Amino acid sequence: MADNYILVTGSAGFIGFNLCHNLLKRGCKVVGIDNYNDYYLVDMKEARGNVLKAYPNFTEYRLSIEKYNDLEQIFKKYKFDCVMNLAAQAGVRHSLSHPFVYNDTNITGFLNILELVRHYNIPKLVYASSSSVYGGNTKYPFCETDPVTTPISLYAATKKADELMAHSYSHLYGFQSIGLRFFTAYGPWGRPDMAMWLFAEAILAGKKIQVFNHGKMKRDFTYIDDIVQGITASIFSKGLDNYEIFNLGNNHCEQLLYMISLIEKELGMEAKKEMLPMQPGDIPEAFADIDKARKKLGYSPTTPIEKGIPNFIAWFKEYSDLTDLVKKSR
């Protein structure tokens, strides 16, 4: 597929940028779509986009996937071998105050992608789902065969809806669809609204960090390079079923307080902690069973948080100009 076109929506986002960078280094021709919205600092997205635009085999379009007619012009222009849909409105907490945005992007936008994949005979669609679909499940680790019928946030509900819509389209129209349930991706070029960034920024500024569920939260922190390895395996793997769902996690459940201690160690500063109750829509624990991804994708995460967090903090310090921009934007 090295000589063929791959479409990546959300190309200026955290995961989208890192995926595009990997594909471009492989020699793939990549078309990126992103609307550069202001959910978080646009300068961060611009910086990512500038890295990608240095590659001659990268073409970028700035538009929203909610706009079907604009999106269709790109499908008319290129013959894609795979569409990777990462464009979405992210964030559990944001969905509490901005519900219609989640419907527009995660439901209408994804339906537009499905329709265009269908009408332009694209053989494979890979798309981002989320570990949030597991909702209040208490059986750990989470497995793809577990029931996911009780989402506890609108964000999670939209991601489950995407999986259901993809199933119906694959069944009706024959193209392959692969949904990837990401578990707490982190690393260099990460999102400024995510916990590791917020913690590092607050600690350096001598401010309190908000620790929800009184520090009893547990997450399967997954380093971005491992996430990208799972995505690229999904794009290039042969012999998969027509409809697939995979967990992409690190297969280790870590306490939030341990994650904070690693950040403190790398910064050489102790955090001032404000212990708070659970936030609405949050889940107390997320832990991925990745046996299916190991067997069918050859997925093998190699980065424990003891290695990944130092990598992130080193990048965070290097890009202090960007972190300064983020602070000024708040």
C-alpha atoms as a PDB file:
ATOM      1  CA  MET A   1       0.000   0.000   0.000  1.00  0.00           C
ATOM      2  CA  ALA A   2       3.071   2.234   0.053  1.00  0.00           C
ATOM      3  CA  ASP A   3       2.200   3.731  -3.364  1.00  0.00           C
ATOM      4  CA  ASN A   4      -1.488   4.219  -2.611  1.00  0.00           C
ATOM      5  CA  TYR A   5      -3.570   6.940  -0.996  1.00  0.00           C
ATOM      6  CA  ILE A   6      -4.769   6.762   2.592  1.00  0.00           C
ATOM      7  CA  LEU A   7      -7.239   9.324   3.922  1.00  0.00           C
ATOM      8  CA  VAL A   8      -6.806  10.352   7.558  1.00  0.00           C
ATOM      9  CA  THR A   9      -9.472  12.579   9.076  1.00  0.00           C
ATOM     10  CA  GLY A  10      -8.477  14.478  12.205  1.00  0.00           C
ATOM     11  CA  SER A  11      -4.933  14.699  10.845  1.00  0.00           C
ATOM     12  CA  ALA A  12      -3.956  17.664  13.039  1.00  0.00           C
ATOM     13  CA  GLY A  13      -5.160  15.919  16.191  1.00  0.00           C
ATOM     14  CA  PHE A  14      -2.955  14.059  18.635  1.00  0.00           C
ATOM     15  CA  ILE A  15      -3.430  10.529  17.309  1.00  0.00           C
ATOM     16  CA  GLY A  16      -4.054  11.642  13.722  1.00  0.00           C
ATOM     17  CA  PHE A  17      -0.810  13.607  13.575  1.00  0.00           C
ATOM     18  CA  ASN A  18       1.267  10.752  14.938  1.00  0.00           C
ATOM     19  CA  LEU A  19      -0.388   8.271  12.564  1.00  0.00           C
ATOM     20  CA  CYS A  20       0.178  10.518   9.531  1.00  0.00           C
ATOM     21  CA  HIS A  21       3.802  11.025  10.526  1.00  0.00           C
ATOM     22  CA  ASN A  22       4.303   7.260  10.683  1.00  0.00           C
ATOM     23  CA  LEU A  23       2.585   6.636   7.336  1.00  0.00           C
ATOM     24  CA  LEU A  24       4.521   9.409   5.609  1.00  0.00           C
ATOM     25  CA  LYS A  25       7.820   8.012   6.853  1.00  0.00           C
ATOM     26  CA  ARG A  26       6.751   4.666   5.359  1.00  0.00           C
ATOM     27  CA  GLY A  27       6.368   6.388   1.997  1.00  0.00           C
ATOM     28  CA  CYS A  28       2.548   6.297   1.888  1.00  0.00           C
ATOM     29  CA  LYS A  29       0.634   9.027   0.134  1.00  0.00           C
ATOM     30  CA  VAL A  30      -1.558  10.612   2.793  1.00  0.00           C
ATOM     31  CA  VAL A  31      -4.471  12.999   2.427  1.00  0.00           C
ATOM     32  CA  GLY A  32      -5.289  14.683   5.718  1.00  0.00           C
ATOM     33  CA  ILE A  33      -8.533  16.387   6.702  1.00  0.00           C
ATOM     34  CA  ASP A  34      -8.937  18.575   9.780  1.00  0.00           C
ATOM     35  CA  ASN A  35     -11.116  21.573  10.597  1.00  0.00           C
ATOM     36  CA  TYR A  36      -8.624  23.011  13.132  1.00  0.00           C
ATOM     37  CA  ASN A  37     -11.437  23.737  15.594  1.00  0.00           C
ATOM     38  CA  ASP A  38     -10.780  25.602  18.833  1.00  0.00           C
ATOM     39  CA  TYR A  39     -11.688  22.819  21.295  1.00  0.00           C
ATOM     40  CA  TYR A  40      -8.107  23.351  22.406  1.00  0.00           C
ATOM     41  CA  LEU A  41      -5.394  25.755  21.263  1.00  0.00           C
ATOM     42  CA  VAL A  42      -5.291  25.966  17.465  1.00  0.00           C
ATOM     43  CA  ASP A  43      -1.578  26.864  17.568  1.00  0.00           C
ATOM     44  CA  MET A  44      -0.913  23.330  18.774  1.00  0.00           C
ATOM     45  CA  LYS A  45      -2.694  21.905  15.744  1.00  0.00           C
ATOM     46  CA  GLU A  46      -0.885  24.341  13.455  1.00  0.00           C
ATOM     47  CA  ALA A  47       2.453  23.151  14.822  1.00  0.00           C
ATOM     48  CA  ARG A  48       1.521  19.528  14.119  1.00  0.00           C
ATOM     49  CA  GLY A  49       0.262  20.407  10.648  1.00  0.00           C
ATOM     50  CA  ASN A  50       3.503  22.213   9.804  1.00  0.00           C
ATOM     51  CA  VAL A  51       5.472  19.053  10.569  1.00  0.00           C
ATOM     52  CA  LEU A  52       3.306  17.021   8.200  1.00  0.00           C
ATOM     53  CA  LYS A  53       3.332  19.584   5.405  1.00  0.00           C
ATOM     54  CA  ALA A  54       7.108  19.230   5.178  1.00  0.00           C
ATOM     55  CA  TYR A  55       6.494  15.866   3.482  1.00  0.00           C
ATOM     56  CA  PRO A  56       5.857  16.025  -0.288  1.00  0.00           C
ATOM     57  CA  ASN A  57       3.554  12.996  -0.075  1.00  0.00           C
ATOM     58  CA  PHE A  58       1.131  14.783   2.280  1.00  0.00           C
ATOM     59  CA  THR A  59      -1.863  16.849   1.171  1.00  0.00           C
ATOM     60  CA  GLU A  60      -4.066  18.674   3.661  1.00  0.00           C
ATOM     61  CA  TYR A  61      -7.638  19.933   3.443  1.00  0.00           C
ATOM     62  CA  ARG A  62      -9.223  22.125   6.083  1.00  0.00           C
ATOM     63  CA  LEU A  63     -12.859  21.203   6.401  1.00  0.00           C
ATOM     64  CA  SER A  64     -15.365  19.576   8.726  1.00  0.00           C
ATOM     65  CA  ILE A  65     -16.576  16.047   8.104  1.00  0.00           C
ATOM     66  CA  GLU A  66     -20.106  17.275   8.927  1.00  0.00           C
ATOM     67  CA  LYS A  67     -20.143  19.054   5.521  1.00  0.00           C
ATOM     68  CA  TYR A  68     -20.993  16.275   3.097  1.00  0.00           C
ATOM     69  CA  ASN A  69     -20.638  18.224  -0.160  1.00  0.00           C
ATOM     70  CA  ASP A  70     -17.184  19.547   0.747  1.00  0.00           C
ATOM     71  CA  LEU A  71     -16.082  16.104   1.879  1.00  0.00           C
ATOM     72  CA  GLU A  72     -17.324  14.476  -1.306  1.00  0.00           C
ATOM     73  CA  GLN A  73     -15.069  16.661  -3.462  1.00  0.00           C
ATOM     74  CA  ILE A  74     -12.061  14.953  -1.907  1.00  0.00           C
ATOM     75  CA  PHE A  75     -13.465  11.477  -2.541  1.00  0.00           C
ATOM     76  CA  LYS A  76     -14.050  12.485  -6.175  1.00  0.00           C
ATOM     77  CA  LYS A  77     -10.436  13.623  -6.546  1.00  0.00           C
ATOM     78  CA  TYR A  78      -8.590  10.631  -5.016  1.00  0.00           C
ATOM     79  CA  LYS A  79      -8.902   6.872  -5.077  1.00  0.00           C
ATOM     80  CA  PHE A  80      -8.409   5.785  -1.479  1.00  0.00           C
ATOM     81  CA  ASP A  81      -7.388   2.278  -0.471  1.00  0.00           C
ATOM     82  CA  CYS A  82      -8.290   2.986   3.137  1.00  0.00           C
ATOM     83  CA  VAL A  83     -10.076   5.686   5.104  1.00  0.00           C
ATOM     84  CA  MET A  84      -8.948   6.223   8.698  1.00  0.00           C
ATOM     85  CA  ASN A  85     -11.554   8.281  10.562  1.00  0.00           C
ATOM     86  CA  LEU A  86     -10.081   9.950  13.634  1.00  0.00           C
ATOM     87  CA  ALA A  87     -12.058  13.184  13.350  1.00  0.00           C
ATOM     88  CA  ALA A  88     -14.332  13.431  16.361  1.00  0.00           C
ATOM     89  CA  GLN A  89     -15.362  15.676  19.188  1.00  0.00           C
ATOM     90  CA  ALA A  90     -13.417  14.213  22.092  1.00  0.00           C
ATOM     91  CA  GLY A  91     -13.780  14.518  25.849  1.00  0.00           C
ATOM     92  CA  VAL A  92     -16.250  13.035  28.298  1.00  0.00           C
ATOM     93  CA  ARG A  93     -16.696  16.201  30.374  1.00  0.00           C
ATOM     94  CA  HIS A  94     -17.082  18.511  27.387  1.00  0.00           C
ATOM     95  CA  SER A  95     -20.041  16.419  26.230  1.00  0.00           C
ATOM     96  CA  LEU A  96     -21.969  17.455  29.346  1.00  0.00           C
ATOM     97  CA  SER A  97     -21.993  21.108  28.292  1.00  0.00           C
ATOM     98  CA  HIS A  98     -21.786  20.859  24.473  1.00  0.00           C
ATOM     99  CA  PRO A  99     -23.987  17.883  23.515  1.00  0.00           C
ATOM    100  CA  PHE A 100     -24.983  19.049  20.032  1.00  0.00           C
ATOM    101  CA  VAL A 101     -21.352  19.258  18.892  1.00  0.00           C
ATOM    102  CA  TYR A 102     -20.997  15.541  19.628  1.00  0.00           C
ATOM    103  CA  ASN A 103     -24.028  14.721  17.537  1.00  0.00           C
ATOM    104  CA  ASP A 104     -22.804  16.868  14.651  1.00  0.00           C
ATOM    105  CA  THR A 105     -19.283  15.469  14.416  1.00  0.00           C
ATOM    106  CA  ASN A 106     -19.449  11.986  15.919  1.00  0.00           C
ATOM    107  CA  ILE A 107     -22.802  10.955  14.435  1.00  0.00           C
ATOM    108  CA  THR A 108     -23.573  13.095  11.358  1.00  0.00           C
ATOM    109  CA  GLY A 109     -19.913  13.397  10.402  1.00  0.00           C
ATOM    110  CA  PHE A 110     -19.336   9.674  10.743  1.00  0.00           C
ATOM    111  CA  LEU A 111     -22.476   8.932   8.705  1.00  0.00           C
ATOM    112  CA  ASN A 112     -21.045  11.135   5.949  1.00  0.00           C
ATOM    113  CA  ILE A 113     -17.853   9.073   6.013  1.00  0.00           C
ATOM    114  CA  LEU A 114     -19.823   5.818   5.807  1.00  0.00           C
ATOM    115  CA  GLU A 115     -21.886   7.072   2.891  1.00  0.00           C
ATOM    116  CA  LEU A 116     -18.823   8.213   0.942  1.00  0.00           C
ATOM    117  CA  VAL A 117     -16.907   4.995   1.642  1.00  0.00           C
ATOM    118  CA  ARG A 118     -19.952   3.163   0.293  1.00  0.00           C
ATOM    119  CA  HIS A 119     -20.530   5.279  -2.820  1.00  0.00           C
ATOM    120  CA  TYR A 120     -16.855   5.526  -3.800  1.00  0.00           C
ATOM    121  CA  ASN A 121     -16.167   1.827  -3.276  1.00  0.00           C
ATOM    122  CA  ILE A 122     -13.447   2.195  -0.646  1.00  0.00           C
ATOM    123  CA  PRO A 123     -12.481  -1.338   0.455  1.00  0.00           C
ATOM    124  CA  LYS A 124     -11.543  -0.553   4.064  1.00  0.00           C
ATOM    125  CA  LEU A 125     -12.647   1.849   6.782  1.00  0.00           C
ATOM    126  CA  VAL A 126     -10.778   2.037  10.087  1.00  0.00           C
ATOM    127  CA  TYR A 127     -12.241   4.341  12.718  1.00  0.00           C
ATOM    128  CA  ALA A 128     -11.713   5.512  16.276  1.00  0.00           C
ATOM    129  CA  SER A 129     -13.979   4.183  18.956  1.00  0.00           C
ATOM    130  CA  SER A 130     -13.186   4.494  22.663  1.00  0.00           C
ATOM    131  CA  SER A 131     -12.758   2.544  25.876  1.00  0.00           C
ATOM    132  CA  SER A 132     -15.565   4.774  27.175  1.00  0.00           C
ATOM    133  CA  VAL A 133     -18.096   2.466  25.498  1.00  0.00           C
ATOM    134  CA  TYR A 134     -17.574  -0.020  28.346  1.00  0.00           C
ATOM    135  CA  GLY A 135     -19.432   2.411  30.619  1.00  0.00           C
ATOM    136  CA  GLY A 136     -19.959   1.152  34.148  1.00  0.00           C
ATOM    137  CA  ASN A 137     -18.793  -2.414  33.459  1.00  0.00           C
ATOM    138  CA  THR A 138     -17.083  -3.922  36.491  1.00  0.00           C
ATOM    139  CA  LYS A 139     -15.613  -7.037  34.879  1.00  0.00           C
ATOM    140  CA  TYR A 140     -11.896  -6.435  34.290  1.00  0.00           C
ATOM    141  CA  PRO A 141     -10.094  -6.402  31.986  1.00  0.00           C
ATOM    142  CA  PHE A 142     -12.566  -5.111  29.401  1.00  0.00           C
ATOM    143  CA  CYS A 143     -12.994  -7.527  26.490  1.00  0.00           C
ATOM    144  CA  GLU A 144     -14.475  -6.830  23.050  1.00  0.00           C
ATOM    145  CA  THR A 145     -17.167  -9.456  23.698  1.00  0.00           C
ATOM    146  CA  ASP A 146     -18.368  -7.734  26.890  1.00  0.00           C
ATOM    147  CA  PRO A 147     -21.788  -6.030  26.701  1.00  0.00           C
ATOM    148  CA  VAL A 148     -21.535  -2.290  26.017  1.00  0.00           C
ATOM    149  CA  THR A 149     -25.168  -1.260  26.240  1.00  0.00           C
ATOM    150  CA  THR A 150     -24.971   1.142  29.178  1.00  0.00           C
ATOM    151  CA  PRO A 151     -22.770   4.150  28.264  1.00  0.00           C
ATOM    152  CA  ILE A 152     -22.591   6.731  31.039  1.00  0.00           C
ATOM    153  CA  SER A 153     -21.675   9.773  28.939  1.00  0.00           C
ATOM    154  CA  LEU A 154     -22.937  11.177  25.649  1.00  0.00           C
ATOM    155  CA  TYR A 155     -19.408  10.900  24.241  1.00  0.00           C
ATOM    156  CA  ALA A 156     -19.427   7.149  24.944  1.00  0.00           C
ATOM    157  CA  ALA A 157     -22.912   6.820  23.454  1.00  0.00           C
ATOM    158  CA  THR A 158     -21.793   8.447  20.200  1.00  0.00           C
ATOM    159  CA  LYS A 159     -18.830   6.091  19.945  1.00  0.00           C
ATOM    160  CA  LYS A 160     -21.046   3.046  20.462  1.00  0.00           C
ATOM    161  CA  ALA A 161     -23.422   4.448  17.854  1.00  0.00           C
ATOM    162  CA  ASP A 162     -20.481   4.650  15.419  1.00  0.00           C
ATOM    163  CA  GLU A 163     -19.755   0.966  15.969  1.00  0.00           C
ATOM    164  CA  LEU A 164     -23.384   0.063  15.286  1.00  0.00           C
ATOM    165  CA  MET A 165     -23.577   2.207  12.157  1.00  0.00           C
ATOM    166  CA  ALA A 166     -20.331   0.729  10.856  1.00  0.00           C
ATOM    167  CA  HIS A 167     -21.683  -2.774  11.403  1.00  0.00           C
ATOM    168  CA  SER A 168     -24.827  -2.052   9.419  1.00  0.00           C
ATOM    169  CA  TYR A 169     -22.916  -0.481   6.524  1.00  0.00           C
ATOM    170  CA  SER A 170     -20.376  -3.309   6.366  1.00  0.00           C
ATOM    171  CA  HIS A 171     -23.221  -5.818   6.330  1.00  0.00           C
ATOM    172  CA  LEU A 172     -25.212  -3.988   3.673  1.00  0.00           C
ATOM    173  CA  TYR A 173     -22.474  -2.782   1.356  1.00  0.00           C
ATOM    174  CA  GLY A 174     -19.595  -5.210   1.825  1.00  0.00           C
ATOM    175  CA  PHE A 175     -16.672  -2.946   2.737  1.00  0.00           C
ATOM    176  CA  GLN A 176     -14.464  -3.844   5.675  1.00  0.00           C
ATOM    177  CA  SER A 177     -14.840  -1.750   8.845  1.00  0.00           C
ATOM    178  CA  ILE A 178     -12.495  -1.927  11.821  1.00  0.00           C
ATOM    179  CA  GLY A 179     -13.284  -0.068  15.046  1.00  0.00           C
ATOM    180  CA  LEU A 180     -10.494   0.661  17.514  1.00  0.00           C
ATOM    181  CA  ARG A 181     -11.283   1.213  21.181  1.00  0.00           C
ATOM    182  CA  PHE A 182      -8.430   3.406  22.400  1.00  0.00           C
ATOM    183  CA  PHE A 183      -7.415   3.339  26.062  1.00  0.00           C
ATOM    184  CA  THR A 184      -6.029   6.655  27.430  1.00  0.00           C
ATOM    185  CA  ALA A 185      -3.500   7.530  24.750  1.00  0.00           C
ATOM    186  CA  TYR A 186      -0.659   9.812  25.872  1.00  0.00           C
ATOM    187  CA  GLY A 187       2.777  10.946  24.768  1.00  0.00           C
ATOM    188  CA  PRO A 188       4.579  13.709  22.850  1.00  0.00           C
ATOM    189  CA  TRP A 189       2.299  16.088  20.929  1.00  0.00           C
ATOM    190  CA  GLY A 190      -0.553  15.126  23.284  1.00  0.00           C
ATOM    191  CA  ARG A 191      -3.699  17.141  23.901  1.00  0.00           C
ATOM    192  CA  PRO A 192      -3.499  20.108  26.320  1.00  0.00           C
ATOM    193  CA  ASP A 193      -6.855  19.169  27.873  1.00  0.00           C
ATOM    194  CA  MET A 194      -5.672  15.736  29.032  1.00  0.00           C
ATOM    195  CA  ALA A 195      -4.575  14.885  32.543  1.00  0.00           C
ATOM    196  CA  MET A 196      -0.818  14.473  32.051  1.00  0.00           C
ATOM    197  CA  TRP A 197      -0.480  17.863  30.371  1.00  0.00           C
ATOM    198  CA  LEU A 198      -2.708  19.589  32.918  1.00  0.00           C
ATOM    199  CA  PHE A 199      -0.817  18.014  35.818  1.00  0.00           C
ATOM    200  CA  ALA A 200       2.628  18.884  34.458  1.00  0.00           C
ATOM    201  CA  GLU A 201       1.600  22.460  33.719  1.00  0.00           C
ATOM    202  CA  ALA A 202       0.029  23.003  37.160  1.00  0.00           C
ATOM    203  CA  ILE A 203       2.933  21.422  39.063  1.00  0.00           C
ATOM    204  CA  LEU A 204       5.463  23.651  37.301  1.00  0.00           C
ATOM    205  CA  ALA A 205       3.298  26.695  38.085  1.00  0.00           C
ATOM    206  CA  GLY A 206       3.002  25.714  41.761  1.00  0.00           C
ATOM    207  CA  LYS A 207      -0.784  25.327  41.427  1.00  0.00           C
ATOM    208  CA  LYS A 208      -3.034  22.598  42.786  1.00  0.00           C
ATOM    209  CA  ILE A 209      -3.928  19.659  40.585  1.00  0.00           C
ATOM    210  CA  GLN A 210      -7.438  18.242  40.689  1.00  0.00           C
ATOM    211  CA  VAL A 211      -7.378  14.546  41.589  1.00  0.00           C
ATOM    212  CA  PHE A 212     -10.792  13.006  41.027  1.00  0.00           C
ATOM    213  CA  ASN A 213     -12.323  10.067  42.882  1.00  0.00           C
ATOM    214  CA  HIS A 214      -9.865  10.918  45.676  1.00  0.00           C
ATOM    215  CA  GLY A 215      -7.027   9.381  43.664  1.00  0.00           C
ATOM    216  CA  LYS A 216      -8.693   5.981  43.287  1.00  0.00           C
ATOM    217  CA  MET A 217      -9.020   6.238  39.503  1.00  0.00           C
ATOM    218  CA  LYS A 218      -7.261   3.561  37.459  1.00  0.00           C
ATOM    219  CA  ARG A 219      -6.410   3.783  33.774  1.00  0.00           C
ATOM    220  CA  ASP A 220      -4.729   1.722  31.087  1.00  0.00           C
ATOM    221  CA  PHE A 221      -2.279   4.406  29.925  1.00  0.00           C
ATOM    222  CA  THR A 222      -1.232   3.630  26.341  1.00  0.00           C
ATOM    223  CA  TYR A 223       1.782   5.300  24.758  1.00  0.00           C
ATOM    224  CA  ILE A 224       1.143   6.941  21.407  1.00  0.00           C
ATOM    225  CA  ASP A 225       3.701   4.823  19.510  1.00  0.00           C
ATOM    226  CA  ASP A 226       1.876   1.685  20.646  1.00  0.00           C
ATOM    227  CA  ILE A 227      -1.472   3.146  19.576  1.00  0.00           C
ATOM    228  CA  VAL A 228      -0.045   3.963  16.145  1.00  0.00           C
ATOM    229  CA  GLN A 229       1.361   0.443  15.825  1.00  0.00           C
ATOM    230  CA  GLY A 230      -2.126  -0.934  16.402  1.00  0.00           C
ATOM    231  CA  ILE A 231      -3.687   1.448  13.878  1.00  0.00           C
ATOM    232  CA  THR A 232      -1.163   0.710  11.150  1.00  0.00           C
ATOM    233  CA  ALA A 233      -1.610  -3.019  11.731  1.00  0.00           C
ATOM    234  CA  SER A 234      -5.356  -2.501  11.245  1.00  0.00           C
ATOM    235  CA  ILE A 235      -4.738  -0.610   8.000  1.00  0.00           C
ATOM    236  CA  PHE A 236      -2.289  -3.069   6.465  1.00  0.00           C
ATOM    237  CA  SER A 237      -3.355  -6.434   7.917  1.00  0.00           C
ATOM    238  CA  LYS A 238      -4.860  -9.024   5.610  1.00  0.00           C
ATOM    239  CA  GLY A 239      -7.330 -11.744   6.477  1.00  0.00           C
ATOM    240  CA  LEU A 240      -9.429  -9.810   8.971  1.00  0.00           C
ATOM    241  CA  ASP A 241     -13.177 -10.275   9.145  1.00  0.00           C
ATOM    242  CA  ASN A 242     -15.425  -7.784   7.404  1.00  0.00           C
ATOM    243  CA  TYR A 243     -16.416  -6.215  10.725  1.00  0.00           C
ATOM    244  CA  GLU A 244     -13.945  -6.064  13.591  1.00  0.00           C
ATOM    245  CA  ILE A 245     -13.610  -4.331  16.962  1.00  0.00           C
ATOM    246  CA  PHE A 246     -10.250  -4.221  18.745  1.00  0.00           C
ATOM    247  CA  ASN A 247      -9.079  -2.895  22.097  1.00  0.00           C
ATOM    248  CA  LEU A 248      -5.847  -0.922  21.822  1.00  0.00           C
ATOM    249  CA  GLY A 249      -4.487  -0.548  25.342  1.00  0.00           C
ATOM    250  CA  ASN A 250      -1.316  -1.241  27.265  1.00  0.00           C
ATOM    251  CA  ASN A 251      -2.823  -4.215  29.153  1.00  0.00           C
ATOM    252  CA  HIS A 252      -1.727  -2.677  32.473  1.00  0.00           C
ATOM    253  CA  CYS A 253      -4.037  -0.899  34.910  1.00  0.00           C
ATOM    254  CA  GLU A 254      -2.252   1.907  36.760  1.00  0.00           C
ATOM    255  CA  GLN A 255      -3.427   4.061  39.652  1.00  0.00           C
ATOM    256  CA  LEU A 256      -3.787   7.757  38.980  1.00  0.00           C
ATOM    257  CA  LEU A 257      -1.609   8.604  41.987  1.00  0.00           C
ATOM    258  CA  TYR A 258       1.199   6.447  40.614  1.00  0.00           C
ATOM    259  CA  MET A 259       1.018   8.276  37.297  1.00  0.00           C
ATOM    260  CA  ILE A 260       1.228  11.584  39.172  1.00  0.00           C
ATOM    261  CA  SER A 261       4.252  10.361  41.143  1.00  0.00           C
ATOM    262  CA  LEU A 262       6.112   9.661  37.889  1.00  0.00           C
ATOM    263  CA  ILE A 263       5.380  13.175  36.645  1.00  0.00           C
ATOM    264  CA  GLU A 264       6.584  14.600  39.965  1.00  0.00           C
ATOM    265  CA  LYS A 265       9.788  12.593  39.665  1.00  0.00           C
ATOM    266  CA  GLU A 266      10.511  13.851  36.145  1.00  0.00           C
ATOM    267  CA  LEU A 267       9.775  17.468  37.056  1.00  0.00           C
ATOM    268  CA  GLY A 268      11.611  17.279  40.376  1.00  0.00           C
ATOM    269  CA  MET A 269       8.647  18.890  42.110  1.00  0.00           C
ATOM    270  CA  GLU A 270       5.862  17.660  44.356  1.00  0.00           C
ATOM    271  CA  ALA A 271       2.273  18.260  43.317  1.00  0.00           C
ATOM    272  CA  LYS A 272      -0.200  20.133  45.484  1.00  0.00           C
ATOM    273  CA  LYS A 273      -3.230  17.858  45.318  1.00  0.00           C
ATOM    274  CA  GLU A 274      -6.902  18.791  45.618  1.00  0.00           C
ATOM    275  CA  MET A 275      -8.801  15.565  46.220  1.00  0.00           C
ATOM    276  CA  LEU A 276     -12.246  15.625  44.622  1.00  0.00           C
ATOM    277  CA  PRO A 277     -15.158  13.216  44.099  1.00  0.00           C
ATOM    278  CA  MET A 278     -15.821  11.396  40.833  1.00  0.00           C
ATOM    279  CA  GLN A 279     -16.790  13.591  37.891  1.00  0.00           C
ATOM    280  CA  PRO A 280     -20.116  12.879  36.129  1.00  0.00           C
ATOM    281  CA  GLY A 281     -19.586  10.626  33.127  1.00  0.00           C
ATOM    282  CA  ASP A 282     -16.229   9.277  34.318  1.00  0.00           C
ATOM    283  CA  ILE A 283     -15.555   5.614  35.028  1.00  0.00           C
ATOM    284  CA  PRO A 284     -13.448   4.511  38.018  1.00  0.00           C
ATOM    285  CA  GLU A 285     -11.330   1.997  36.126  1.00  0.00           C
ATOM    286  CA  ALA A 286     -10.377   1.096  32.561  1.00  0.00           C
ATOM    287  CA  PHE A 287      -8.292  -1.957  31.738  1.00  0.00           C
ATOM    288  CA  ALA A 288      -7.897  -3.492  28.270  1.00  0.00           C
ATOM    289  CA  ASP A 289      -7.877  -7.154  27.352  1.00  0.00           C
ATOM    290  CA  ILE A 290      -5.748  -7.075  24.182  1.00  0.00           C
ATOM    291  CA  ASP A 291      -5.634 -10.811  23.402  1.00  0.00           C
ATOM    292  CA  LYS A 292      -7.703 -10.373  20.232  1.00  0.00           C
ATOM    293  CA  ALA A 293      -5.477  -7.562  18.934  1.00  0.00           C
ATOM    294  CA  ARG A 294      -2.367  -9.625  19.728  1.00  0.00           C
ATOM    295  CA  LYS A 295      -3.671 -12.605  17.777  1.00  0.00           C
ATOM    296  CA  LYS A 296      -5.208 -10.891  14.764  1.00  0.00           C
ATOM    297  CA  LEU A 297      -3.090  -7.723  14.427  1.00  0.00           C
ATOM    298  CA  GLY A 298       0.205  -8.746  15.977  1.00  0.00           C
ATOM    299  CA  TYR A 299      -0.364  -5.822  18.333  1.00  0.00           C
ATOM    300  CA  SER A 300       2.298  -5.714  21.029  1.00  0.00           C
ATOM    301  CA  PRO A 301       2.623  -2.584  23.199  1.00  0.00           C
ATOM    302  CA  THR A 302       6.189  -2.083  24.390  1.00  0.00           C
ATOM    303  CA  THR A 303       6.109   1.155  26.408  1.00  0.00           C
ATOM    304  CA  PRO A 304       5.323   1.053  30.146  1.00  0.00           C
ATOM    305  CA  ILE A 305       4.462   4.369  31.769  1.00  0.00           C
ATOM    306  CA  GLU A 306       7.831   4.303  33.544  1.00  0.00           C
ATOM    307  CA  LYS A 307       9.310   4.908  30.090  1.00  0.00           C
ATOM    308  CA  GLY A 308       6.452   6.770  28.415  1.00  0.00           C
ATOM    309  CA  ILE A 309       5.975   9.505  31.002  1.00  0.00           C
ATOM    310  CA  PRO A 310       9.665  10.538  30.949  1.00  0.00           C
ATOM    311  CA  ASN A 311       9.387  10.730  27.139  1.00  0.00           C
ATOM    312  CA  PHE A 312       6.314  12.945  27.421  1.00  0.00           C
ATOM    313  CA  ILE A 313       7.851  15.250  30.057  1.00  0.00           C
ATOM    314  CA  ALA A 314      11.041  15.609  28.006  1.00  0.00           C
ATOM    315  CA  TRP A 315       8.930  16.683  25.019  1.00  0.00           C
ATOM    316  CA  PHE A 316       6.798  18.936  27.237  1.00  0.00           C
ATOM    317  CA  LYS A 317       9.885  20.800  28.422  1.00  0.00           C
ATOM    318  CA  GLU A 318      11.289  21.084  24.893  1.00  0.00           C
ATOM    319  CA  TYR A 319       8.079  22.603  23.582  1.00  0.00           C
ATOM    320  CA  SER A 320       7.680  25.106  26.404  1.00  0.00           C
ATOM    321  CA  ASP A 321       6.797  27.788  23.872  1.00  0.00           C
ATOM    322  CA  LEU A 322       3.655  25.844  23.032  1.00  0.00           C
ATOM    323  CA  THR A 323       2.794  25.263  26.678  1.00  0.00           C
ATOM    324  CA  ASP A 324       3.155  28.996  27.271  1.00  0.00           C
ATOM    325  CA  LEU A 325       0.676  29.635  24.457  1.00  0.00           C
ATOM    326  CA  VAL A 326      -1.765  27.221  26.016  1.00  0.00           C
ATOM    327  CA  LYS A 327      -1.517  28.920  29.414  1.00  0.00           C
ATOM    328  CA  LYS A 328      -2.154  32.323  27.838  1.00  0.00           C
ATOM    329  CA  SER A 329      -5.247  30.997  26.076  1.00  0.00           C
ATOM    330  CA  ARG A 330      -7.008  30.048  29.332  1.00  0.00           C
END
